Protein backbone atom coordinates (compact mmCIF):
# COMPACT_ATOMS: atom_id res chain seq x y z
CA MET A 1 222.93 -27.51 97.68
CA ILE A 2 223.46 -26.64 101.68
CA PRO A 3 220.69 -24.27 102.55
CA LEU A 4 222.11 -20.70 103.42
CA GLU A 5 220.49 -21.11 106.79
CA LEU A 6 222.46 -23.83 107.67
CA VAL A 7 225.81 -22.62 106.59
CA LYS A 8 225.11 -19.07 108.93
CA LEU A 9 224.05 -21.47 112.00
CA HIS A 10 227.54 -23.31 111.42
CA LEU A 11 229.46 -19.89 111.06
CA ARG A 12 227.42 -18.71 114.02
CA VAL A 13 226.43 -16.10 112.05
CA ASP A 14 223.43 -13.84 113.09
CA GLY A 15 221.25 -11.55 110.74
CA ASP A 16 221.96 -10.77 106.82
CA ASP A 17 224.75 -8.53 106.85
CA GLU A 18 227.21 -10.66 105.51
CA ASP A 19 225.26 -13.16 103.22
CA ASP A 20 226.70 -12.11 99.81
CA LEU A 21 230.12 -12.74 101.29
CA ILE A 22 228.70 -16.06 102.91
CA CYS A 23 227.76 -17.25 99.47
CA LEU A 24 230.54 -16.54 97.59
CA TYR A 25 232.79 -18.57 100.31
CA TYR A 26 229.92 -21.15 99.91
CA ASP A 27 230.92 -21.55 95.90
CA ALA A 28 234.29 -21.42 96.29
CA ALA A 29 234.18 -24.24 99.16
CA VAL A 30 232.12 -26.09 96.97
CA SER A 31 234.07 -25.45 93.87
CA ASP A 32 237.34 -26.39 95.95
CA CYS A 33 235.82 -29.52 97.01
CA VAL A 34 234.16 -30.69 93.60
CA ALA A 35 237.81 -30.06 92.17
CA TYR A 36 239.57 -32.31 94.62
CA LEU A 37 236.74 -35.11 94.35
CA ASN A 38 237.76 -35.13 90.71
CA ARG A 39 234.42 -35.96 89.95
CA PRO A 40 231.17 -34.14 89.29
CA LEU A 41 228.90 -33.84 92.44
CA TYR A 42 225.19 -34.33 92.56
CA GLN A 43 222.52 -33.04 95.06
CA ASP A 44 220.46 -36.24 95.43
CA ASP A 45 219.89 -39.98 92.89
CA ALA A 46 217.65 -37.91 91.08
CA GLU A 47 220.12 -36.06 89.61
CA ALA A 48 222.70 -38.45 89.61
CA ASP A 49 220.39 -40.82 87.71
CA ALA A 50 219.70 -38.27 85.24
CA ALA A 51 223.23 -37.71 84.62
CA ALA A 52 223.96 -41.20 84.29
CA LYS A 53 221.39 -41.35 81.51
CA VAL A 54 223.61 -39.03 79.60
CA GLY A 55 226.90 -40.81 80.00
CA LYS A 56 227.78 -38.72 83.21
CA ALA A 57 227.70 -42.02 85.73
CA ASP A 58 231.01 -40.72 87.18
CA GLY A 59 230.11 -38.56 89.78
CA VAL A 60 228.89 -38.54 93.76
CA VAL A 61 225.94 -37.91 95.63
CA LEU A 62 226.40 -35.16 98.28
CA ASN A 63 226.47 -37.30 101.40
CA PRO A 64 226.65 -36.00 104.80
CA SER A 65 230.71 -36.56 104.83
CA ILE A 66 230.77 -34.06 101.64
CA ARG A 67 228.11 -31.59 103.26
CA ASN A 68 230.35 -31.49 106.33
CA ALA A 69 233.53 -30.79 104.39
CA ILE A 70 231.80 -28.19 102.32
CA LEU A 71 230.58 -26.73 105.69
CA LEU A 72 234.24 -26.95 107.22
CA THR A 73 235.74 -25.52 104.13
CA VAL A 74 233.35 -22.31 104.15
CA GLY A 75 233.98 -21.82 107.73
CA TYR A 76 238.14 -21.67 106.90
CA LEU A 77 237.48 -19.08 104.22
CA TYR A 78 235.00 -17.08 106.26
CA SER A 79 237.81 -17.08 109.44
CA ASN A 80 240.75 -16.76 107.10
CA ARG A 81 239.91 -13.82 105.14
CA GLU A 82 243.39 -12.70 104.15
CA ASP A 83 246.32 -14.75 102.63
CA GLY A 84 246.54 -17.82 104.32
CA ALA A 85 247.24 -21.96 103.67
CA VAL A 86 246.55 -22.89 100.39
CA GLY A 87 244.25 -25.80 99.57
CA LEU A 88 240.90 -27.59 101.56
CA PRO A 89 241.42 -27.50 105.41
CA ARG A 90 242.90 -31.09 106.96
CA ALA A 91 239.83 -32.32 107.90
CA ALA A 92 237.74 -31.63 104.86
CA ARG A 93 240.44 -33.62 102.75
CA ARG A 94 240.18 -36.34 105.29
CA LEU A 95 236.24 -36.20 104.84
CA LEU A 96 236.18 -36.31 101.12
CA GLU A 97 239.15 -38.79 100.63
CA PRO A 98 236.80 -41.85 100.28
CA PHE A 99 235.09 -40.33 97.62
CA ARG A 100 237.94 -39.22 95.95
CA ASN A 101 238.45 -40.37 91.99
CA LEU A 102 242.23 -40.53 91.63
CA PRO A 103 243.47 -40.36 88.09
CA GLY A 104 244.74 -43.31 86.78
CA VAL A 105 243.27 -45.32 89.29
């Protein structure tokens, strides 16, 4: 969803020695953000439209706020490689909140 080059630019990483590790953090960040949103995340409108045609219309399309939340979360995971605070960074939660599907609402 977000090119590795952009993730590395956000992290201020040159070279490709840590690419595998950064990809792990990226995958975890996307997973955490999707879990917080409590709904599927689609790359673009075409993917969302295709999902809607098979009855999965509750997702959200990747937008600048969600993209930034993912990047912030990757940065947090990259900077805090050991045990630390649990959950998404506060700024990421704030960016995701308007798109969150709250159970029972």
